[in-house]
Amino acid sequence: MAQPDDMLDDEDYPAYTMGRAAEIIGCSPDFLRRLGEAKLIDPLRSGGGHRRYSRYQLRLAARAREMCDHGTDMASAVRIIILEDQLEEALRLNQARQAHQAHQVHQAH
């Protein structure tokens, strides 16, 4: 089982209640619910059914709020954020693959 300090450093640990998450982001709880309905974030549910958000989910929600505040509709903001995250992950994987290949070439010589 993870230690409390490990959980605090875990970007995916669902540490924030809906009210606290909305306060941090500067949005309404309804905005967070709608982001869930739009499939941008999927908060963990506590035993009592309450939504719990991670720091990673808060960052996604903050990006969506900023885009919506600048006139982007929610569906478009969600799609853009998902595509940006997919691109970032693909670039990270590509970089790791290139580093692995370079290491293999170096070992072969």
Protein backbone atom coordinates (compact mmCIF):
# COMPACT_ATOMS: atom_id res chain seq x y z
CA MET A 1 0.00 0.00 0.00
CA ALA A 2 1.24 3.49 -0.82
CA GLN A 3 2.47 5.70 1.99
CA PRO A 4 0.78 9.11 2.56
CA ASP A 5 3.84 11.00 1.24
CA ASP A 6 3.76 8.89 -1.94
CA MET A 7 0.09 9.73 -2.45
CA LEU A 8 0.77 13.44 -2.11
CA ASP A 9 3.32 13.23 -4.91
CA ASP A 10 1.04 11.08 -7.09
CA GLU A 11 -0.50 13.18 -9.87
CA ASP A 12 -3.30 10.64 -10.24
CA TYR A 13 -4.26 10.33 -6.58
CA PRO A 14 -7.87 11.56 -6.20
CA ALA A 15 -7.26 13.98 -3.35
CA TYR A 16 -9.77 16.76 -4.10
CA THR A 17 -13.49 16.89 -3.50
CA MET A 18 -15.69 18.45 -6.14
CA GLY A 19 -16.14 21.63 -4.10
CA ARG A 20 -12.42 22.05 -3.51
CA ALA A 21 -11.61 21.22 -7.14
CA ALA A 22 -14.11 23.83 -8.36
CA GLU A 23 -12.64 26.39 -5.97
CA ILE A 24 -9.07 25.70 -7.12
CA ILE A 25 -10.01 25.94 -10.81
CA GLY A 26 -12.36 28.87 -10.37
CA CYS A 27 -15.39 27.18 -11.87
CA SER A 28 -18.71 25.77 -10.75
CA PRO A 29 -19.25 22.16 -9.72
CA ASP A 30 -21.61 21.94 -12.71
CA PHE A 31 -18.70 22.78 -15.04
CA LEU A 32 -16.77 19.82 -13.59
CA ARG A 33 -19.82 17.56 -14.01
CA ARG A 34 -20.14 18.60 -17.64
CA LEU A 35 -16.42 17.88 -18.24
CA GLY A 36 -17.11 14.40 -16.90
CA GLU A 37 -20.10 14.01 -19.21
CA ALA A 38 -17.90 15.17 -22.11
CA LYS A 39 -15.40 12.43 -21.16
CA LEU A 40 -12.46 14.77 -20.49
CA ILE A 41 -12.16 13.68 -16.89
CA ASP A 42 -13.51 10.65 -15.05
CA PRO A 43 -13.28 11.35 -11.33
CA LEU A 44 -13.01 8.50 -8.88
CA ARG A 45 -16.11 7.97 -6.76
CA SER A 46 -15.73 7.65 -3.01
CA GLY A 47 -17.58 4.95 -1.11
CA GLY A 48 -20.41 7.44 -0.64
CA GLY A 49 -20.53 8.23 -4.37
CA HIS A 50 -18.82 11.63 -4.15
CA ARG A 51 -16.50 12.68 -6.96
CA ARG A 52 -12.77 12.92 -6.15
CA TYR A 53 -10.32 14.64 -8.50
CA SER A 54 -6.58 14.23 -9.02
CA ARG A 55 -4.09 17.01 -9.73
CA TYR A 56 -3.83 15.75 -13.32
CA GLN A 57 -7.61 16.03 -13.72
CA LEU A 58 -7.54 19.52 -12.20
CA ARG A 59 -4.95 20.60 -14.79
CA LEU A 60 -7.15 19.28 -17.61
CA ALA A 61 -10.20 21.01 -16.16
CA ALA A 62 -8.27 24.28 -15.76
CA ARG A 63 -7.20 24.11 -19.42
CA ALA A 64 -10.81 23.54 -20.45
CA ARG A 65 -12.04 26.43 -18.29
CA GLU A 66 -9.45 28.77 -19.77
CA MET A 67 -10.41 27.79 -23.32
CA CYS A 68 -14.12 28.16 -22.58
CA ASP A 69 -13.48 31.54 -20.94
CA HIS A 70 -11.90 32.63 -24.24
CA GLY A 71 -14.96 31.61 -26.26
CA THR A 72 -14.25 28.00 -27.22
CA ASP A 73 -17.28 25.77 -26.79
CA MET A 74 -16.83 22.90 -24.35
CA ALA A 75 -16.97 20.09 -26.93
CA SER A 76 -14.22 21.73 -28.97
CA ALA A 77 -12.11 22.47 -25.90
CA VAL A 78 -12.39 18.86 -24.76
CA ARG A 79 -11.41 17.54 -28.19
CA ILE A 80 -8.43 19.91 -28.43
CA ILE A 81 -7.19 18.96 -24.96
CA ILE A 82 -7.54 15.23 -25.68
CA LEU A 83 -5.65 15.62 -28.96
CA GLU A 84 -2.92 17.70 -27.28
CA ASP A 85 -2.48 15.03 -24.61
CA GLN A 86 -2.38 12.27 -27.22
CA LEU A 87 0.26 14.17 -29.18
CA GLU A 88 2.33 14.77 -26.04
CA GLU A 89 2.19 11.07 -25.17
CA ALA A 90 3.11 10.05 -28.75
CA LEU A 91 6.09 12.42 -28.72
CA ARG A 92 7.20 11.07 -25.33
CA LEU A 93 6.97 7.48 -26.58
CA ASN A 94 8.81 8.36 -29.79
CA GLN A 95 11.59 10.05 -27.83
CA ALA A 96 11.91 7.03 -25.53
CA ARG A 97 12.01 4.69 -28.54
CA GLN A 98 14.71 6.79 -30.19
CA ALA A 99 16.77 6.81 -26.99
CA HIS A 100 16.41 3.04 -26.71
CA GLN A 101 17.50 2.56 -30.34
CA ALA A 102 20.48 4.88 -29.87
CA HIS A 103 21.47 2.89 -26.78
CA GLN A 104 21.25 -0.38 -28.73
CA VAL A 105 23.39 1.04 -31.56
CA HIS A 106 25.95 2.31 -29.05
CA GLN A 107 26.13 -1.12 -27.37
CA ALA A 108 26.56 -2.86 -30.76
CA HIS A 109 29.74 -0.86 -31.46
